[in-house]
Amino acid sequence: MRIGWVFLAGLALGVGACGHVSGVERGAPDDVVHAECNTAAARIHALIAQGQLVEAEALIAESTAAGLISRQHATQLLTRIAQLNTKLGEIPARLQRVKDFPSQLKDYTLYQIEKMMEDRDFSLATKAQLQEAAKLIKQETRLMRKI
C-alpha cells in the first residue's frame, strides 16, 4: 500500500512540475503544445545531443505534422541543428581572417568542435582555439556587424 502512495505522489509531482494538462499549456489554444514535457521533444533533444541530427530533423517534421510540438519550437530546433551542422570553413571569409583563426578546424562542424571541448580532446587544437571556433560559428551574425 505504501508503495502505491509513493508512486502516486511521484506521479503527481511529475505532472505538477510540468505545469500542463494532457500535453497542452493551460490557458493556451489546443494547438500550442508544452514542449518541455513532451516525449517527442525530449527524444529530439536527445538525438541532437547524440549528434544524430538527420534523425532529429525527421522527428521534428513528423512531430510538427502530428501536433506534438509547436511550429515555433520546431523552428528553434531546426535553427540549432543548422548551426550545429555549420562547418567553420563555411563562415564568411571576413571572419576567417580574424587574428589566430584556427584554420585546422575549417572542415569541422560546430557539433564536432563542441564534442572535442566536452571530451577535452585538444589533440587537434588548443582549448582557446576550440572556443574561438565555436564562438565564430555561434555568433557569426553579431561578429559580422562589428567588422
N, C-alpha and C. Protein backbone atom coordinates (compact mmCIF):
# COMPACT_ATOMS: atom_id res chain seq x y z
N MET A 1 0.82 -1.19 0.00
CA MET A 1 0.00 0.00 0.00
C MET A 1 0.87 1.26 0.00
N ARG A 2 1.93 1.24 0.81
CA ARG A 2 2.82 2.38 0.91
C ARG A 2 3.48 2.67 -0.44
N ILE A 3 3.86 1.62 -1.17
CA ILE A 3 4.49 1.80 -2.47
C ILE A 3 3.53 2.48 -3.44
N GLY A 4 2.27 2.11 -3.38
CA GLY A 4 1.26 2.73 -4.24
C GLY A 4 1.15 4.22 -3.99
N TRP A 5 1.15 4.62 -2.72
CA TRP A 5 1.07 6.05 -2.38
C TRP A 5 2.32 6.79 -2.84
N VAL A 6 3.48 6.16 -2.68
CA VAL A 6 4.73 6.80 -3.12
C VAL A 6 4.70 6.99 -4.63
N PHE A 7 4.22 5.98 -5.35
CA PHE A 7 4.11 6.06 -6.80
C PHE A 7 3.16 7.20 -7.20
N LEU A 8 2.01 7.26 -6.57
CA LEU A 8 1.04 8.31 -6.89
C LEU A 8 1.57 9.70 -6.56
N ALA A 9 2.28 9.81 -5.44
CA ALA A 9 2.86 11.10 -5.07
C ALA A 9 3.90 11.52 -6.09
N GLY A 10 4.73 10.58 -6.52
CA GLY A 10 5.74 10.88 -7.54
C GLY A 10 5.12 11.28 -8.85
N LEU A 11 4.06 10.59 -9.24
CA LEU A 11 3.35 10.92 -10.46
C LEU A 11 2.74 12.32 -10.37
N ALA A 12 2.15 12.62 -9.24
CA ALA A 12 1.54 13.95 -9.05
C ALA A 12 2.59 15.05 -9.11
N LEU A 13 3.75 14.80 -8.51
CA LEU A 13 4.83 15.79 -8.57
C LEU A 13 5.33 15.96 -9.98
N GLY A 14 5.45 14.85 -10.71
CA GLY A 14 5.91 14.90 -12.09
C GLY A 14 4.98 15.69 -12.97
N VAL A 15 3.69 15.45 -12.86
CA VAL A 15 2.70 16.17 -13.66
C VAL A 15 2.64 17.62 -13.22
N GLY A 16 2.70 17.86 -11.93
CA GLY A 16 2.66 19.24 -11.42
C GLY A 16 3.89 20.03 -11.83
N ALA A 17 5.05 19.37 -11.90
CA ALA A 17 6.27 20.06 -12.28
C ALA A 17 6.23 20.50 -13.73
N CYS A 18 5.54 19.73 -14.56
CA CYS A 18 5.43 20.10 -15.97
C CYS A 18 4.56 21.32 -16.15
N GLY A 19 3.56 21.47 -15.29
CA GLY A 19 2.68 22.63 -15.37
C GLY A 19 1.73 22.57 -16.56
N HIS A 20 1.38 21.36 -16.98
CA HIS A 20 0.45 21.26 -18.09
C HIS A 20 -0.55 20.13 -17.85
N VAL A 21 -1.58 20.18 -18.62
CA VAL A 21 -2.61 19.15 -18.55
C VAL A 21 -2.69 18.52 -19.93
N SER A 22 -2.54 17.21 -20.00
CA SER A 22 -2.65 16.46 -21.26
C SER A 22 -1.74 16.99 -22.36
N GLY A 23 -0.55 17.48 -22.02
CA GLY A 23 0.41 17.93 -23.02
C GLY A 23 0.13 19.30 -23.60
N VAL A 24 -0.86 20.02 -23.09
CA VAL A 24 -1.20 21.32 -23.63
C VAL A 24 -1.07 22.36 -22.54
N GLU A 25 -0.54 23.53 -22.91
CA GLU A 25 -0.38 24.61 -21.94
C GLU A 25 -1.73 25.05 -21.39
N ARG A 26 -1.79 25.38 -20.12
CA ARG A 26 -3.02 25.91 -19.53
C ARG A 26 -3.32 27.28 -20.11
N GLY A 27 -4.55 27.46 -20.47
CA GLY A 27 -4.96 28.77 -20.99
C GLY A 27 -4.54 29.02 -22.41
N ALA A 28 -3.88 28.06 -23.05
CA ALA A 28 -3.43 28.24 -24.42
C ALA A 28 -4.37 27.50 -25.36
N PRO A 29 -4.38 27.89 -26.62
CA PRO A 29 -5.20 27.14 -27.58
C PRO A 29 -4.70 25.70 -27.67
N ASP A 30 -5.56 24.80 -28.14
CA ASP A 30 -5.22 23.38 -28.19
C ASP A 30 -4.05 23.07 -29.09
N ASP A 31 -3.72 23.94 -30.05
CA ASP A 31 -2.62 23.63 -30.97
C ASP A 31 -1.25 24.06 -30.43
N VAL A 32 -1.21 24.67 -29.25
CA VAL A 32 0.06 25.06 -28.65
C VAL A 32 0.46 23.99 -27.64
N VAL A 33 1.57 23.32 -27.90
CA VAL A 33 1.99 22.20 -27.07
C VAL A 33 3.07 22.65 -26.11
N HIS A 34 3.02 22.16 -24.90
CA HIS A 34 4.02 22.46 -23.88
C HIS A 34 5.24 21.58 -24.15
N ALA A 35 6.26 22.14 -24.79
CA ALA A 35 7.37 21.34 -25.33
C ALA A 35 8.26 20.72 -24.27
N GLU A 36 8.43 21.35 -23.11
CA GLU A 36 9.37 20.82 -22.13
C GLU A 36 8.97 19.45 -21.61
N CYS A 37 7.71 19.15 -21.60
CA CYS A 37 7.22 17.90 -21.02
C CYS A 37 6.86 16.87 -22.08
N ASN A 38 6.96 17.21 -23.32
CA ASN A 38 6.57 16.35 -24.41
C ASN A 38 7.64 15.30 -24.66
N THR A 39 7.24 14.05 -24.79
CA THR A 39 8.22 12.99 -25.02
C THR A 39 8.86 13.11 -26.39
N ALA A 40 8.13 13.61 -27.39
CA ALA A 40 8.72 13.82 -28.71
C ALA A 40 9.83 14.86 -28.62
N ALA A 41 9.57 15.95 -27.91
CA ALA A 41 10.58 16.99 -27.75
C ALA A 41 11.79 16.46 -26.99
N ALA A 42 11.55 15.64 -25.99
CA ALA A 42 12.66 15.06 -25.23
C ALA A 42 13.50 14.15 -26.13
N ARG A 43 12.85 13.38 -26.97
CA ARG A 43 13.57 12.49 -27.89
C ARG A 43 14.36 13.31 -28.90
N ILE A 44 13.80 14.40 -29.38
CA ILE A 44 14.50 15.27 -30.33
C ILE A 44 15.76 15.85 -29.68
N HIS A 45 15.61 16.34 -28.45
CA HIS A 45 16.77 16.90 -27.75
C HIS A 45 17.84 15.83 -27.53
N ALA A 46 17.43 14.60 -27.23
CA ALA A 46 18.39 13.51 -27.04
C ALA A 46 19.12 13.20 -28.35
N LEU A 47 18.40 13.18 -29.46
CA LEU A 47 19.03 12.93 -30.76
C LEU A 47 20.05 14.03 -31.09
N ILE A 48 19.69 15.27 -30.82
CA ILE A 48 20.60 16.38 -31.08
C ILE A 48 21.85 16.25 -30.21
N ALA A 49 21.67 15.91 -28.95
CA ALA A 49 22.81 15.76 -28.03
C ALA A 49 23.73 14.63 -28.47
N GLN A 50 23.17 13.61 -29.10
CA GLN A 50 23.96 12.47 -29.57
C GLN A 50 24.56 12.71 -30.96
N GLY A 51 24.24 13.84 -31.57
CA GLY A 51 24.77 14.16 -32.88
C GLY A 51 24.02 13.50 -34.02
N GLN A 52 22.87 12.93 -33.75
CA GLN A 52 22.04 12.30 -34.78
C GLN A 52 21.10 13.36 -35.35
N LEU A 53 21.69 14.30 -36.08
CA LEU A 53 20.96 15.48 -36.50
C LEU A 53 19.96 15.21 -37.62
N VAL A 54 20.28 14.29 -38.52
CA VAL A 54 19.34 13.95 -39.60
C VAL A 54 18.09 13.30 -39.01
N GLU A 55 18.30 12.40 -38.06
CA GLU A 55 17.17 11.74 -37.41
C GLU A 55 16.33 12.75 -36.63
N ALA A 56 17.01 13.71 -35.99
CA ALA A 56 16.30 14.75 -35.24
C ALA A 56 15.44 15.60 -36.18
N GLU A 57 15.99 15.95 -37.33
CA GLU A 57 15.22 16.74 -38.29
C GLU A 57 13.97 15.98 -38.75
N ALA A 58 14.12 14.69 -39.00
CA ALA A 58 12.97 13.88 -39.42
C ALA A 58 11.91 13.81 -38.33
N LEU A 59 12.35 13.63 -37.09
CA LEU A 59 11.41 13.56 -35.97
C LEU A 59 10.74 14.91 -35.74
N ILE A 60 11.44 15.99 -35.97
CA ILE A 60 10.84 17.33 -35.85
C ILE A 60 9.72 17.48 -36.88
N ALA A 61 9.98 17.07 -38.11
CA ALA A 61 8.96 17.17 -39.16
C ALA A 61 7.74 16.34 -38.81
N GLU A 62 7.96 15.11 -38.36
CA GLU A 62 6.84 14.24 -38.00
C GLU A 62 6.07 14.78 -36.80
N SER A 63 6.80 15.26 -35.80
CA SER A 63 6.17 15.75 -34.58
C SER A 63 5.38 17.03 -34.83
N THR A 64 5.90 17.88 -35.70
CA THR A 64 5.19 19.11 -36.03
C THR A 64 3.90 18.79 -36.79
N ALA A 65 4.01 17.87 -37.74
CA ALA A 65 2.83 17.47 -38.53
C ALA A 65 1.76 16.84 -37.64
N ALA A 66 2.21 16.09 -36.62
CA ALA A 66 1.26 15.43 -35.72
C ALA A 66 0.77 16.34 -34.61
N GLY A 67 1.34 17.54 -34.52
CA GLY A 67 0.93 18.48 -33.49
C GLY A 67 1.54 18.20 -32.13
N LEU A 68 2.62 17.43 -32.10
CA LEU A 68 3.27 17.11 -30.82
C LEU A 68 4.18 18.22 -30.33
N ILE A 69 4.71 19.03 -31.26
CA ILE A 69 5.49 20.20 -30.88
C ILE A 69 4.99 21.38 -31.68
N SER A 70 5.14 22.55 -31.13
CA SER A 70 4.66 23.76 -31.81
C SER A 70 5.58 24.11 -32.98
N ARG A 71 5.06 24.86 -33.91
CA ARG A 71 5.87 25.29 -35.06
C ARG A 71 7.02 26.18 -34.61
N GLN A 72 6.77 27.01 -33.60
CA GLN A 72 7.81 27.89 -33.09
C GLN A 72 8.96 27.08 -32.49
N HIS A 73 8.63 26.05 -31.71
CA HIS A 73 9.66 25.21 -31.11
C HIS A 73 10.41 24.44 -32.19
N ALA A 74 9.69 23.97 -33.21
CA ALA A 74 10.31 23.26 -34.33
C ALA A 74 11.30 24.17 -35.05
N THR A 75 10.92 25.42 -35.25
CA THR A 75 11.81 26.38 -35.91
C THR A 75 13.07 26.61 -35.09
N GLN A 76 12.93 26.73 -33.78
CA GLN A 76 14.10 26.90 -32.91
C GLN A 76 15.01 25.69 -32.98
N LEU A 77 14.43 24.50 -32.97
CA LEU A 77 15.23 23.27 -33.04
C LEU A 77 15.95 23.16 -34.38
N LEU A 78 15.26 23.47 -35.45
CA LEU A 78 15.87 23.39 -36.78
C LEU A 78 16.99 24.42 -36.94
N THR A 79 16.82 25.59 -36.34
CA THR A 79 17.87 26.61 -36.37
C THR A 79 19.10 26.11 -35.62
N ARG A 80 18.90 25.48 -34.47
CA ARG A 80 20.01 24.93 -33.69
C ARG A 80 20.72 23.82 -34.47
N ILE A 81 19.95 22.96 -35.14
CA ILE A 81 20.56 21.88 -35.93
C ILE A 81 21.38 22.47 -37.08
N ALA A 82 20.84 23.48 -37.74
CA ALA A 82 21.58 24.12 -38.83
C ALA A 82 22.89 24.70 -38.31
N GLN A 83 22.85 25.30 -37.13
CA GLN A 83 24.05 25.87 -36.54
C GLN A 83 25.06 24.76 -36.21
N LEU A 84 24.58 23.66 -35.64
CA LEU A 84 25.47 22.56 -35.30
C LEU A 84 26.09 21.91 -36.54
N ASN A 85 25.40 21.97 -37.67
CA ASN A 85 25.91 21.41 -38.92
C ASN A 85 26.86 22.35 -39.66
N THR A 86 26.97 23.59 -39.21
CA THR A 86 27.82 24.57 -39.87
C THR A 86 29.29 24.25 -39.63
N LYS A 87 30.03 24.19 -40.73
CA LYS A 87 31.47 23.97 -40.64
C LYS A 87 32.15 25.33 -40.47
N LEU A 88 33.26 25.33 -39.77
CA LEU A 88 33.97 26.58 -39.53
C LEU A 88 34.38 27.23 -40.85
N GLY A 89 34.72 26.42 -41.85
CA GLY A 89 35.12 26.95 -43.15
C GLY A 89 33.97 27.57 -43.94
N GLU A 90 32.73 27.40 -43.48
CA GLU A 90 31.57 27.96 -44.16
C GLU A 90 31.21 29.37 -43.69
N ILE A 91 31.87 29.85 -42.64
CA ILE A 91 31.57 31.20 -42.17
C ILE A 91 32.17 32.20 -43.16
N PRO A 92 31.68 33.43 -43.16
CA PRO A 92 32.18 34.42 -44.12
C PRO A 92 33.70 34.59 -44.08
N ALA A 93 34.26 34.86 -45.24
CA ALA A 93 35.72 34.99 -45.38
C ALA A 93 36.27 36.09 -44.47
N ARG A 94 35.48 37.15 -44.24
CA ARG A 94 35.96 38.24 -43.37
C ARG A 94 36.22 37.73 -41.96
N LEU A 95 35.38 36.80 -41.47
CA LEU A 95 35.59 36.25 -40.14
C LEU A 95 36.76 35.27 -40.13
N GLN A 96 37.03 34.65 -41.28
CA GLN A 96 38.14 33.71 -41.34
C GLN A 96 39.50 34.41 -41.30
N ARG A 97 39.49 35.72 -41.45
CA ARG A 97 40.75 36.48 -41.40
C ARG A 97 41.02 37.07 -40.01
N VAL A 98 40.23 36.70 -39.02
CA VAL A 98 40.48 37.22 -37.68
C VAL A 98 41.80 36.69 -37.16
N LYS A 99 42.37 37.41 -36.23
CA LYS A 99 43.64 37.02 -35.64
C LYS A 99 43.50 35.65 -34.97
N ASP A 100 44.47 34.79 -35.17
CA ASP A 100 44.53 33.45 -34.57
C ASP A 100 43.38 32.55 -35.01
N PHE A 101 42.91 32.72 -36.26
CA PHE A 101 41.85 31.86 -36.78
C PHE A 101 42.34 30.41 -36.83
N PRO A 102 41.62 29.49 -36.20
CA PRO A 102 42.06 28.09 -36.17
C PRO A 102 41.74 27.37 -37.49
N SER A 103 42.55 27.62 -38.51
CA SER A 103 42.27 27.09 -39.85
C SER A 103 42.28 25.56 -39.90
N GLN A 104 42.96 24.90 -38.97
CA GLN A 104 42.98 23.44 -38.97
C GLN A 104 41.60 22.86 -38.64
N LEU A 105 40.68 23.68 -38.17
CA LEU A 105 39.33 23.23 -37.81
C LEU A 105 38.30 23.57 -38.88
N LYS A 106 38.73 24.09 -40.04
CA LYS A 106 37.77 24.59 -41.03
C LYS A 106 36.83 23.52 -41.57
N ASP A 107 37.23 22.24 -41.52
CA ASP A 107 36.37 21.17 -42.02
C ASP A 107 35.53 20.52 -40.93
N TYR A 108 35.51 21.10 -39.74
CA TYR A 108 34.77 20.54 -38.61
C TYR A 108 33.52 21.36 -38.34
N THR A 109 32.44 20.65 -37.97
CA THR A 109 31.18 21.31 -37.65
C THR A 109 31.20 21.80 -36.21
N LEU A 110 30.25 22.66 -35.90
CA LEU A 110 30.12 23.14 -34.52
C LEU A 110 29.89 21.97 -33.57
N TYR A 111 29.08 21.00 -34.00
CA TYR A 111 28.84 19.84 -33.14
C TYR A 111 30.16 19.13 -32.82
N GLN A 112 30.99 18.91 -33.83
CA GLN A 112 32.25 18.22 -33.63
C GLN A 112 33.19 19.03 -32.73
N ILE A 113 33.19 20.34 -32.91
CA ILE A 113 34.05 21.21 -32.10
C ILE A 113 33.58 21.19 -30.64
N GLU A 114 32.25 21.30 -30.42
CA GLU A 114 31.73 21.24 -29.05
C GLU A 114 32.00 19.88 -28.42
N LYS A 115 31.94 18.83 -29.20
CA LYS A 115 32.22 17.48 -28.70
C LYS A 115 33.69 17.37 -28.27
N MET A 116 34.59 17.96 -29.04
CA MET A 116 36.01 17.97 -28.67
C MET A 116 36.22 18.68 -27.34
N MET A 117 35.54 19.82 -27.17
CA MET A 117 35.67 20.56 -25.91
C MET A 117 35.10 19.75 -24.76
N GLU A 118 33.95 19.14 -24.97
CA GLU A 118 33.31 18.34 -23.94
C GLU A 118 34.18 17.15 -23.53
N ASP A 119 34.81 16.52 -24.52
CA ASP A 119 35.67 15.36 -24.26
C ASP A 119 37.09 15.76 -23.85
N ARG A 120 37.33 17.05 -23.82
CA ARG A 120 38.68 17.59 -23.52
C ARG A 120 39.73 16.99 -24.45
N ASP A 121 39.36 16.92 -25.73
CA ASP A 121 40.25 16.42 -26.77
C ASP A 121 40.93 17.61 -27.43
N PHE A 122 42.15 17.88 -27.01
CA PHE A 122 42.89 19.02 -27.53
C PHE A 122 44.02 18.55 -28.46
N SER A 123 43.83 17.39 -29.10
CA SER A 123 44.86 16.85 -29.99
C SER A 123 44.94 17.63 -31.30
N LEU A 124 43.85 18.20 -31.73
CA LEU A 124 43.80 18.93 -32.99
C LEU A 124 44.00 20.43 -32.80
N ALA A 125 43.49 20.94 -31.69
CA ALA A 125 43.57 22.38 -31.41
C ALA A 125 43.56 22.59 -29.90
N THR A 126 44.04 23.75 -29.50
CA THR A 126 44.05 24.08 -28.07
C THR A 126 42.62 24.41 -27.63
N LYS A 127 42.44 24.47 -26.33
CA LYS A 127 41.12 24.82 -25.78
C LYS A 127 40.70 26.20 -26.27
N ALA A 128 41.62 27.14 -26.28
CA ALA A 128 41.31 28.51 -26.72
C ALA A 128 40.91 28.52 -28.20
N GLN A 129 41.58 27.72 -29.02
CA GLN A 129 41.25 27.67 -30.45
C GLN A 129 39.86 27.04 -30.65
N LEU A 130 39.55 26.00 -29.90
CA LEU A 130 38.23 25.38 -29.98
C LEU A 130 37.15 26.37 -29.57
N GLN A 131 37.41 27.11 -28.50
CA GLN A 131 36.44 28.10 -28.03
C GLN A 131 36.26 29.21 -29.06
N GLU A 132 37.36 29.63 -29.68
CA GLU A 132 37.29 30.67 -30.70
C GLU A 132 36.49 30.18 -31.91
N ALA A 133 36.72 28.94 -32.32
CA ALA A 133 35.99 28.38 -33.46
C ALA A 133 34.49 28.31 -33.15
N ALA A 134 34.15 27.83 -31.97
CA ALA A 134 32.74 27.74 -31.58
C ALA A 134 32.10 29.13 -31.54
N LYS A 135 32.82 30.09 -31.02
CA LYS A 135 32.31 31.46 -30.93
C LYS A 135 32.08 32.04 -32.33
N LEU A 136 33.00 31.80 -33.24
CA LEU A 136 32.85 32.33 -34.60
C LEU A 136 31.61 31.77 -35.29
N ILE A 137 31.32 30.49 -35.06
CA ILE A 137 30.14 29.90 -35.69
C ILE A 137 28.87 30.36 -34.99
N LYS A 138 28.85 30.32 -33.67
CA LYS A 138 27.64 30.67 -32.92
C LYS A 138 27.25 32.12 -33.07
N GLN A 139 28.24 33.00 -33.09
CA GLN A 139 27.96 34.43 -33.07
C GLN A 139 28.31 35.10 -34.39
N GLU A 140 28.21 34.36 -35.47
CA GLU A 140 28.59 34.85 -36.78
C GLU A 140 27.91 36.17 -37.14
N THR A 141 26.61 36.26 -37.00
CA THR A 141 25.88 37.48 -37.40
C THR A 141 26.27 38.67 -36.51
N ARG A 142 26.43 38.44 -35.21
CA ARG A 142 26.82 39.54 -34.33
C ARG A 142 28.23 40.02 -34.65
N LEU A 143 29.12 39.10 -34.91
CA LEU A 143 30.51 39.46 -35.20
C LEU A 143 30.65 40.16 -36.55
N MET A 144 29.82 39.78 -37.51
CA MET A 144 29.86 40.43 -38.82
C MET A 144 29.46 41.89 -38.72
N ARG A 145 28.56 42.21 -37.80
CA ARG A 145 28.15 43.61 -37.61
C ARG A 145 29.28 44.44 -37.03
N LYS A 146 30.17 43.82 -36.26
CA LYS A 146 31.26 44.54 -35.63
C LYS A 146 32.38 44.86 -36.62
N ILE A 147 32.52 44.02 -37.62
CA ILE A 147 33.62 44.19 -38.57
C ILE A 147 33.28 45.23 -39.59
